[in-house]
PDB file of all heavy atoms in Angstrom:
ATOM      1  N   TYR A   1      18.790  16.745  -5.069  1.00  0.00           N
ATOM      2  CA  TYR A   1      19.310  16.007  -6.226  1.00  0.00           C
ATOM      3  C   TYR A   1      18.833  14.556  -6.222  1.00  0.00           C
ATOM      4  O   TYR A   1      18.570  13.973  -7.272  1.00  0.00           O
ATOM      5  CB  TYR A   1      20.838  16.065  -6.214  1.00  0.00           C
ATOM      6  CG  TYR A   1      21.514  15.389  -7.385  1.00  0.00           C
ATOM      7  CD1 TYR A   1      21.359  15.868  -8.691  1.00  0.00           C
ATOM      8  CD2 TYR A   1      22.336  14.278  -7.195  1.00  0.00           C
ATOM      9  CE1 TYR A   1      21.991  15.253  -9.759  1.00  0.00           C
ATOM     10  CE2 TYR A   1      22.984  13.660  -8.267  1.00  0.00           C
ATOM     11  CZ  TYR A   1      22.797  14.155  -9.545  1.00  0.00           C
ATOM     12  OH  TYR A   1      23.432  13.547 -10.607  1.00  0.00           O
ATOM     13  N   THR A   2      18.706  13.946  -5.042  1.00  0.00           N
ATOM     14  CA  THR A   2      18.369  12.525  -4.972  1.00  0.00           C
ATOM     15  C   THR A   2      16.950  12.227  -5.459  1.00  0.00           C
ATOM     16  O   THR A   2      16.651  11.086  -5.817  1.00  0.00           O
ATOM     17  CB  THR A   2      18.521  11.979  -3.540  1.00  0.00           C
ATOM     18  OG1 THR A   2      17.744  12.773  -2.637  1.00  0.00           O
ATOM     19  CG2 THR A   2      19.975  12.002  -3.106  1.00  0.00           C
ATOM     20  N   GLU A   3      16.077  13.224  -5.475  1.00  0.00           N
ATOM     21  CA  GLU A   3      14.745  12.994  -6.041  1.00  0.00           C
ATOM     22  C   GLU A   3      14.769  12.979  -7.567  1.00  0.00           C
ATOM     23  O   GLU A   3      13.833  12.497  -8.202  1.00  0.00           O
ATOM     24  CB  GLU A   3      13.752  14.057  -5.552  1.00  0.00           C
ATOM     25  CG  GLU A   3      13.458  14.017  -4.059  1.00  0.00           C
ATOM     26  CD  GLU A   3      12.843  12.708  -3.599  1.00  0.00           C
ATOM     27  OE1 GLU A   3      12.199  12.020  -4.430  1.00  0.00           O
ATOM     28  OE2 GLU A   3      13.019  12.347  -2.427  1.00  0.00           O
ATOM     29  N   PHE A   4      15.830  13.511  -8.144  1.00  0.00           N
ATOM     30  CA  PHE A   4      15.930  13.578  -9.605  1.00  0.00           C
ATOM     31  C   PHE A   4      15.927  12.191 -10.232  1.00  0.00           C
ATOM     32  O   PHE A   4      15.164  11.901 -11.163  1.00  0.00           O
ATOM     33  CB  PHE A   4      17.192  14.370  -9.981  1.00  0.00           C
ATOM     34  CG  PHE A   4      17.715  14.124 -11.365  1.00  0.00           C
ATOM     35  CD1 PHE A   4      16.868  14.187 -12.470  1.00  0.00           C
ATOM     36  CD2 PHE A   4      19.056  13.839 -11.572  1.00  0.00           C
ATOM     37  CE1 PHE A   4      17.357  13.964 -13.755  1.00  0.00           C
ATOM     38  CE2 PHE A   4      19.552  13.625 -12.847  1.00  0.00           C
ATOM     39  CZ  PHE A   4      18.696  13.679 -13.939  1.00  0.00           C
ATOM     40  N   GLN A   5      16.781  11.304  -9.729  1.00  0.00           N
ATOM     41  CA  GLN A   5      16.886   9.977 -10.337  1.00  0.00           C
ATOM     42  C   GLN A   5      15.554   9.234 -10.270  1.00  0.00           C
ATOM     43  O   GLN A   5      15.163   8.549 -11.223  1.00  0.00           O
ATOM     44  CB  GLN A   5      17.979   9.163  -9.634  1.00  0.00           C
ATOM     45  CG  GLN A   5      19.395   9.607  -9.955  1.00  0.00           C
ATOM     46  CD  GLN A   5      19.853  10.804  -9.142  1.00  0.00           C
ATOM     47  OE1 GLN A   5      19.111  11.382  -8.358  1.00  0.00           O
ATOM     48  NE2 GLN A   5      21.109  11.182  -9.318  1.00  0.00           N
ATOM     49  N   SER A   6      14.851   9.371  -9.160  1.00  0.00           N
ATOM     50  CA  SER A   6      13.571   8.665  -9.012  1.00  0.00           C
ATOM     51  C   SER A   6      12.483   9.307  -9.869  1.00  0.00           C
ATOM     52  O   SER A   6      11.654   8.604 -10.458  1.00  0.00           O
ATOM     53  CB  SER A   6      13.154   8.640  -7.540  1.00  0.00           C
ATOM     54  OG  SER A   6      13.193   9.933  -6.984  1.00  0.00           O
ATOM     55  N   GLN A   7      12.488  10.634  -9.944  1.00  0.00           N
ATOM     56  CA  GLN A   7      11.507  11.298 -10.795  1.00  0.00           C
ATOM     57  C   GLN A   7      11.750  10.967 -12.269  1.00  0.00           C
ATOM     58  O   GLN A   7      10.801  10.812 -13.042  1.00  0.00           O
ATOM     59  CB  GLN A   7      11.550  12.813 -10.574  1.00  0.00           C
ATOM     60  CG  GLN A   7      10.955  13.220  -9.244  1.00  0.00           C
ATOM     61  CD  GLN A   7      10.979  14.718  -8.970  1.00  0.00           C
ATOM     62  OE1 GLN A   7      10.624  15.145  -7.898  1.00  0.00           O
ATOM     63  NE2 GLN A   7      11.385  15.513  -9.933  1.00  0.00           N
ATOM     64  N   LEU A   8      12.997  10.830 -12.628  1.00  0.00           N
ATOM     65  CA  LEU A   8      13.316  10.500 -14.017  1.00  0.00           C
ATOM     66  C   LEU A   8      12.753   9.130 -14.381  1.00  0.00           C
ATOM     67  O   LEU A   8      12.222   8.946 -15.484  1.00  0.00           O
ATOM     68  CB  LEU A   8      14.832  10.538 -14.235  1.00  0.00           C
ATOM     69  CG  LEU A   8      15.331  10.308 -15.661  1.00  0.00           C
ATOM     70  CD1 LEU A   8      14.745  11.345 -16.613  1.00  0.00           C
ATOM     71  CD2 LEU A   8      16.862  10.343 -15.705  1.00  0.00           C
ATOM     72  N   LEU A   9      12.831   8.172 -13.461  1.00  0.00           N
ATOM     73  CA  LEU A   9      12.361   6.826 -13.786  1.00  0.00           C
ATOM     74  C   LEU A   9      10.852   6.797 -14.051  1.00  0.00           C
ATOM     75  O   LEU A   9      10.356   5.913 -14.754  1.00  0.00           O
ATOM     76  CB  LEU A   9      12.712   5.824 -12.680  1.00  0.00           C
ATOM     77  CG  LEU A   9      12.662   4.381 -13.192  1.00  0.00           C
ATOM     78  CD1 LEU A   9      13.926   4.010 -13.932  1.00  0.00           C
ATOM     79  CD2 LEU A   9      12.367   3.387 -12.085  1.00  0.00           C
ATOM     80  N   GLU A  10      10.115   7.765 -13.514  1.00  0.00           N
ATOM     81  CA  GLU A  10       8.667   7.824 -13.768  1.00  0.00           C
ATOM     82  C   GLU A  10       8.380   7.861 -15.268  1.00  0.00           C
ATOM     83  O   GLU A  10       7.329   7.372 -15.718  1.00  0.00           O
ATOM     84  CB  GLU A  10       8.066   9.080 -13.124  1.00  0.00           C
ATOM     85  CG  GLU A  10       8.164   9.131 -11.616  1.00  0.00           C
ATOM     86  CD  GLU A  10       7.714  10.488 -11.086  1.00  0.00           C
ATOM     87  OE1 GLU A  10       7.085  11.258 -11.870  1.00  0.00           O
ATOM     88  OE2 GLU A  10       7.974  10.789  -9.906  1.00  0.00           O
ATOM     89  N   ARG A  11       9.297   8.439 -16.046  1.00  0.00           N
ATOM     90  CA  ARG A  11       9.043   8.659 -17.469  1.00  0.00           C
ATOM     91  C   ARG A  11       8.922   7.348 -18.244  1.00  0.00           C
ATOM     92  O   ARG A  11       8.328   7.329 -19.316  1.00  0.00           O
ATOM     93  CB  ARG A  11      10.140   9.537 -18.079  1.00  0.00           C
ATOM     94  CG  ARG A  11      10.314  10.895 -17.380  1.00  0.00           C
ATOM     95  CD  ARG A  11       8.994  11.663 -17.328  1.00  0.00           C
ATOM     96  NE  ARG A  11       9.081  12.894 -16.573  1.00  0.00           N
ATOM     97  CZ  ARG A  11       9.166  14.101 -17.118  1.00  0.00           C
ATOM     98  NH1 ARG A  11       9.191  14.229 -18.436  1.00  0.00           N
ATOM     99  NH2 ARG A  11       9.218  15.170 -16.352  1.00  0.00           N
ATOM    100  N   TRP A  12       9.487   6.267 -17.720  1.00  0.00           N
ATOM    101  CA  TRP A  12       9.432   5.000 -18.448  1.00  0.00           C
ATOM    102  C   TRP A  12       8.053   4.337 -18.362  1.00  0.00           C
ATOM    103  O   TRP A  12       7.765   3.448 -19.146  1.00  0.00           O
ATOM    104  CB  TRP A  12      10.538   4.069 -17.952  1.00  0.00           C
ATOM    105  CG  TRP A  12      11.818   4.308 -18.688  1.00  0.00           C
ATOM    106  CD1 TRP A  12      12.276   3.636 -19.789  1.00  0.00           C
ATOM    107  CD2 TRP A  12      12.789   5.324 -18.427  1.00  0.00           C
ATOM    108  NE1 TRP A  12      13.468   4.160 -20.219  1.00  0.00           N
ATOM    109  CE2 TRP A  12      13.814   5.200 -19.405  1.00  0.00           C
ATOM    110  CE3 TRP A  12      12.909   6.325 -17.464  1.00  0.00           C
ATOM    111  CZ2 TRP A  12      14.924   6.033 -19.427  1.00  0.00           C
ATOM    112  CZ3 TRP A  12      14.013   7.155 -17.496  1.00  0.00           C
ATOM    113  CH2 TRP A  12      15.004   7.012 -18.470  1.00  0.00           C
ATOM    114  N   LEU A  13       7.194   4.804 -17.467  1.00  0.00           N
ATOM    115  CA  LEU A  13       5.832   4.264 -17.396  1.00  0.00           C
ATOM    116  C   LEU A  13       5.071   4.527 -18.694  1.00  0.00           C
ATOM    117  O   LEU A  13       4.226   3.730 -19.097  1.00  0.00           O
ATOM    118  CB  LEU A  13       5.091   4.890 -16.201  1.00  0.00           C
ATOM    119  CG  LEU A  13       3.619   4.522 -16.021  1.00  0.00           C
ATOM    120  CD1 LEU A  13       3.436   3.017 -15.829  1.00  0.00           C
ATOM    121  CD2 LEU A  13       3.024   5.281 -14.830  1.00  0.00           C
ATOM    122  N   LEU A  14       5.387   5.629 -19.332  1.00  0.00           N
ATOM    123  CA  LEU A  14       4.670   6.018 -20.558  1.00  0.00           C
ATOM    124  C   LEU A  14       5.364   5.548 -21.828  1.00  0.00           C
ATOM    125  O   LEU A  14       4.971   5.940 -22.922  1.00  0.00           O
ATOM    126  CB  LEU A  14       4.490   7.541 -20.601  1.00  0.00           C
ATOM    127  CG  LEU A  14       3.085   8.074 -20.301  1.00  0.00           C
ATOM    128  CD1 LEU A  14       3.065   9.593 -20.356  1.00  0.00           C
ATOM    129  CD2 LEU A  14       2.043   7.513 -21.265  1.00  0.00           C
ATOM    130  N   THR A  15       6.391   4.726 -21.702  1.00  0.00           N
ATOM    131  CA  THR A  15       7.053   4.240 -22.912  1.00  0.00           C
ATOM    132  C   THR A  15       6.226   3.121 -23.551  1.00  0.00           C
ATOM    133  O   THR A  15       5.525   2.379 -22.859  1.00  0.00           O
ATOM    134  CB  THR A  15       8.472   3.719 -22.605  1.00  0.00           C
ATOM    135  OG1 THR A  15       8.405   2.659 -21.646  1.00  0.00           O
ATOM    136  CG2 THR A  15       9.350   4.838 -22.066  1.00  0.00           C
ATOM    137  N   ASP A  16       6.337   2.997 -24.855  1.00  0.00           N
ATOM    138  CA  ASP A  16       5.533   2.003 -25.579  1.00  0.00           C
ATOM    139  C   ASP A  16       5.807   0.579 -25.099  1.00  0.00           C
ATOM    140  O   ASP A  16       4.887  -0.238 -25.014  1.00  0.00           O
ATOM    141  CB  ASP A  16       5.812   2.103 -27.087  1.00  0.00           C
ATOM    142  CG  ASP A  16       5.266   3.392 -27.690  1.00  0.00           C
ATOM    143  OD1 ASP A  16       4.381   4.008 -27.060  1.00  0.00           O
ATOM    144  OD2 ASP A  16       5.725   3.788 -28.780  1.00  0.00           O
ATOM    145  N   ASP A  17       7.065   0.274 -24.788  1.00  0.00           N
ATOM    146  CA  ASP A  17       7.405  -1.080 -24.343  1.00  0.00           C
ATOM    147  C   ASP A  17       6.632  -1.462 -23.083  1.00  0.00           C
ATOM    148  O   ASP A  17       6.145  -2.593 -22.951  1.00  0.00           O
ATOM    149  CB  ASP A  17       8.909  -1.190 -24.061  1.00  0.00           C
ATOM    150  CG  ASP A  17       9.740  -1.190 -25.326  1.00  0.00           C
ATOM    151  OD1 ASP A  17       9.521  -0.309 -26.167  1.00  0.00           O
ATOM    152  OD2 ASP A  17      10.604  -2.068 -25.478  1.00  0.00           O
ATOM    153  N   VAL A  18       6.526  -0.532 -22.166  1.00  0.00           N
ATOM    154  CA  VAL A  18       5.790  -0.795 -20.926  1.00  0.00           C
ATOM    155  C   VAL A  18       4.296  -0.864 -21.192  1.00  0.00           C
ATOM    156  O   VAL A  18       3.607  -1.796 -20.761  1.00  0.00           O
ATOM    157  CB  VAL A  18       6.116   0.282 -19.867  1.00  0.00           C
ATOM    158  CG1 VAL A  18       5.140   0.203 -18.691  1.00  0.00           C
ATOM    159  CG2 VAL A  18       7.546   0.114 -19.373  1.00  0.00           C
ATOM    160  N   ILE A  19       3.776   0.103 -21.919  1.00  0.00           N
ATOM    161  CA  ILE A  19       2.337   0.157 -22.184  1.00  0.00           C
ATOM    162  C   ILE A  19       1.867  -1.087 -22.926  1.00  0.00           C
ATOM    163  O   ILE A  19       0.861  -1.716 -22.553  1.00  0.00           O
ATOM    164  CB  ILE A  19       1.992   1.432 -22.987  1.00  0.00           C
ATOM    165  CG1 ILE A  19       2.165   2.672 -22.108  1.00  0.00           C
ATOM    166  CG2 ILE A  19       0.557   1.361 -23.512  1.00  0.00           C
ATOM    167  CD1 ILE A  19       2.024   3.983 -22.856  1.00  0.00           C
ATOM    168  N   ASN A  20       2.588  -1.470 -23.949  1.00  0.00           N
ATOM    169  CA  ASN A  20       2.134  -2.568 -24.808  1.00  0.00           C
ATOM    170  C   ASN A  20       2.270  -3.944 -24.170  1.00  0.00           C
ATOM    171  O   ASN A  20       1.556  -4.882 -24.543  1.00  0.00           O
ATOM    172  CB  ASN A  20       2.903  -2.547 -26.134  1.00  0.00           C
ATOM    173  CG  ASN A  20       2.601  -1.310 -26.958  1.00  0.00           C
ATOM    174  OD1 ASN A  20       1.525  -0.728 -26.841  1.00  0.00           O
ATOM    175  ND2 ASN A  20       3.550  -0.882 -27.771  1.00  0.00           N
ATOM    176  N   ASN A  21       3.179  -4.083 -23.216  1.00  0.00           N
ATOM    177  CA  ASN A  21       3.460  -5.411 -22.665  1.00  0.00           C
ATOM    178  C   ASN A  21       2.980  -5.627 -21.232  1.00  0.00           C
ATOM    179  O   ASN A  21       2.778  -6.780 -20.823  1.00  0.00           O
ATOM    180  CB  ASN A  21       4.963  -5.691 -22.730  1.00  0.00           C
ATOM    181  CG  ASN A  21       5.463  -5.793 -24.159  1.00  0.00           C
ATOM    182  OD1 ASN A  21       5.120  -6.727 -24.879  1.00  0.00           O
ATOM    183  ND2 ASN A  21       6.268  -4.829 -24.582  1.00  0.00           N
ATOM    184  N   TYR A  22       2.788  -4.542 -20.496  1.00  0.00           N
ATOM    185  CA  TYR A  22       2.484  -4.726 -19.075  1.00  0.00           C
ATOM    186  C   TYR A  22       1.198  -4.046 -18.620  1.00  0.00           C
ATOM    187  O   TYR A  22       0.676  -4.391 -17.562  1.00  0.00           O
ATOM    188  CB  TYR A  22       3.666  -4.235 -18.225  1.00  0.00           C
ATOM    189  CG  TYR A  22       4.929  -5.009 -18.530  1.00  0.00           C
ATOM    190  CD1 TYR A  22       5.891  -4.480 -19.396  1.00  0.00           C
ATOM    191  CD2 TYR A  22       5.131  -6.275 -17.995  1.00  0.00           C
ATOM    192  CE1 TYR A  22       7.046  -5.201 -19.701  1.00  0.00           C
ATOM    193  CE2 TYR A  22       6.279  -7.000 -18.301  1.00  0.00           C
ATOM    194  CZ  TYR A  22       7.223  -6.461 -19.154  1.00  0.00           C
ATOM    195  OH  TYR A  22       8.343  -7.181 -19.460  1.00  0.00           O
ATOM    196  N   LEU A  23       0.712  -3.086 -19.380  1.00  0.00           N
ATOM    197  CA  LEU A  23      -0.549  -2.445 -19.022  1.00  0.00           C
ATOM    198  C   LEU A  23      -1.667  -3.202 -19.726  1.00  0.00           C
ATOM    199  O   LEU A  23      -2.156  -2.810 -20.783  1.00  0.00           O
ATOM    200  CB  LEU A  23      -0.534  -0.961 -19.407  1.00  0.00           C
ATOM    201  CG  LEU A  23       0.640  -0.131 -18.857  1.00  0.00           C
ATOM    202  CD1 LEU A  23       0.373   1.357 -19.040  1.00  0.00           C
ATOM    203  CD2 LEU A  23       0.936  -0.448 -17.397  1.00  0.00           C
ATOM    204  N   VAL A  24      -2.046  -4.327 -19.107  1.00  0.00           N
ATOM    205  CA  VAL A  24      -3.040  -5.223 -19.707  1.00  0.00           C
ATOM    206  C   VAL A  24      -4.277  -5.297 -18.821  1.00  0.00           C
ATOM    207  O   VAL A  24      -4.205  -5.128 -17.599  1.00  0.00           O
ATOM    208  CB  VAL A  24      -2.457  -6.638 -19.932  1.00  0.00           C
ATOM    209  CG1 VAL A  24      -1.304  -6.585 -20.916  1.00  0.00           C
ATOM    210  CG2 VAL A  24      -2.014  -7.271 -18.618  1.00  0.00           C
ATOM    211  N   HIS A  25      -5.414  -5.562 -19.443  1.00  0.00           N
ATOM    212  CA  HIS A  25      -6.692  -5.544 -18.731  1.00  0.00           C
ATOM    213  C   HIS A  25      -6.754  -6.660 -17.704  1.00  0.00           C
ATOM    214  O   HIS A  25      -6.317  -7.793 -17.941  1.00  0.00           O
ATOM    215  CB  HIS A  25      -7.853  -5.670 -19.720  1.00  0.00           C
ATOM    216  CG  HIS A  25      -9.161  -5.246 -19.143  1.00  0.00           C
ATOM    217  ND1 HIS A  25      -9.931  -6.064 -18.339  1.00  0.00           N
ATOM    218  CD2 HIS A  25      -9.838  -4.071 -19.250  1.00  0.00           C
ATOM    219  CE1 HIS A  25     -11.027  -5.413 -17.981  1.00  0.00           C
ATOM    220  NE2 HIS A  25     -10.993  -4.202 -18.518  1.00  0.00           N
ATOM    221  N   LYS A  26      -7.335  -6.345 -16.558  1.00  0.00           N
ATOM    222  CA  LYS A  26      -7.351  -7.295 -15.440  1.00  0.00           C
ATOM    223  C   LYS A  26      -8.170  -8.551 -15.753  1.00  0.00           C
ATOM    224  O   LYS A  26      -7.923  -9.621 -15.188  1.00  0.00           O
ATOM    225  CB  LYS A  26      -7.915  -6.632 -14.182  1.00  0.00           C
ATOM    226  CG  LYS A  26      -9.382  -6.261 -14.271  1.00  0.00           C
ATOM    227  CD  LYS A  26      -9.996  -6.072 -12.896  1.00  0.00           C
ATOM    228  CE  LYS A  26     -11.503  -5.931 -12.993  1.00  0.00           C
ATOM    229  NZ  LYS A  26     -12.157  -5.954 -11.693  1.00  0.00           N
ATOM    230  N   LYS A  27      -9.143  -8.450 -16.659  1.00  0.00           N
ATOM    231  CA  LYS A  27     -10.024  -9.600 -16.919  1.00  0.00           C
ATOM    232  C   LYS A  27      -9.560 -10.449 -18.098  1.00  0.00           C
ATOM    233  O   LYS A  27      -9.509 -11.670 -18.012  1.00  0.00           O
ATOM    234  CB  LYS A  27     -11.452  -9.117 -17.152  1.00  0.00           C
ATOM    235  CG  LYS A  27     -12.128  -8.606 -15.884  1.00  0.00           C
ATOM    236  CD  LYS A  27     -13.584  -8.201 -16.153  1.00  0.00           C
ATOM    237  CE  LYS A  27     -14.252  -7.744 -14.858  1.00  0.00           C
ATOM    238  NZ  LYS A  27     -15.650  -7.278 -15.088  1.00  0.00           N
ATOM    239  N   ASN A  28      -9.221  -9.793 -19.204  1.00  0.00           N
ATOM    240  CA  ASN A  28      -8.901 -10.579 -20.409  1.00  0.00           C
ATOM    241  C   ASN A  28      -7.426 -10.554 -20.795  1.00  0.00           C
ATOM    242  O   ASN A  28      -7.022 -11.212 -21.760  1.00  0.00           O
ATOM    243  CB  ASN A  28      -9.759 -10.105 -21.592  1.00  0.00           C
ATOM    244  CG  ASN A  28      -9.577  -8.610 -21.873  1.00  0.00           C
ATOM    245  OD1 ASN A  28      -8.522  -8.046 -21.622  1.00  0.00           O
ATOM    246  ND2 ASN A  28     -10.621  -7.980 -22.407  1.00  0.00           N
ATOM    247  N   GLY A  29      -6.605  -9.763 -20.061  1.00  0.00           N
ATOM    248  CA  GLY A  29      -5.179  -9.737 -20.345  1.00  0.00           C
ATOM    249  C   GLY A  29      -4.802  -9.021 -21.625  1.00  0.00           C
ATOM    250  O   GLY A  29      -3.644  -9.064 -22.050  1.00  0.00           O
ATOM    251  N   GLN A  30      -5.787  -8.357 -22.254  1.00  0.00           N
ATOM    252  CA  GLN A  30      -5.506  -7.640 -23.496  1.00  0.00           C
ATOM    253  C   GLN A  30      -4.757  -6.340 -23.213  1.00  0.00           C
ATOM    254  O   GLN A  30      -5.027  -5.662 -22.219  1.00  0.00           O
ATOM    255  CB  GLN A  30      -6.817  -7.327 -24.228  1.00  0.00           C
ATOM    256  CG  GLN A  30      -7.521  -8.561 -24.773  1.00  0.00           C
ATOM    257  CD  GLN A  30      -6.679  -9.294 -25.806  1.00  0.00           C
ATOM    258  OE1 GLN A  30      -6.211  -8.701 -26.771  1.00  0.00           O
ATOM    259  NE2 GLN A  30      -6.471 -10.592 -25.581  1.00  0.00           N
ATOM    260  N   PRO A  31      -3.799  -5.973 -24.083  1.00  0.00           N
ATOM    261  CA  PRO A  31      -3.057  -4.733 -23.867  1.00  0.00           C
ATOM    262  C   PRO A  31      -3.958  -3.512 -24.009  1.00  0.00           C
ATOM    263  O   PRO A  31      -5.016  -3.568 -24.639  1.00  0.00           O
ATOM    264  CB  PRO A  31      -1.985  -4.759 -24.954  1.00  0.00           C
ATOM    265  CG  PRO A  31      -2.503  -5.689 -25.999  1.00  0.00           C
ATOM    266  CD  PRO A  31      -3.330  -6.708 -25.275  1.00  0.00           C
TER     267      PRO A  31
END
């Protein structure tokens, strides 16, 4: 059961808020 909570949090990596604000290019900082 304890792996459930951590596996669930993985799903937020693919949310638009994360992608648009934090997945930015290493050189120019563009999303």
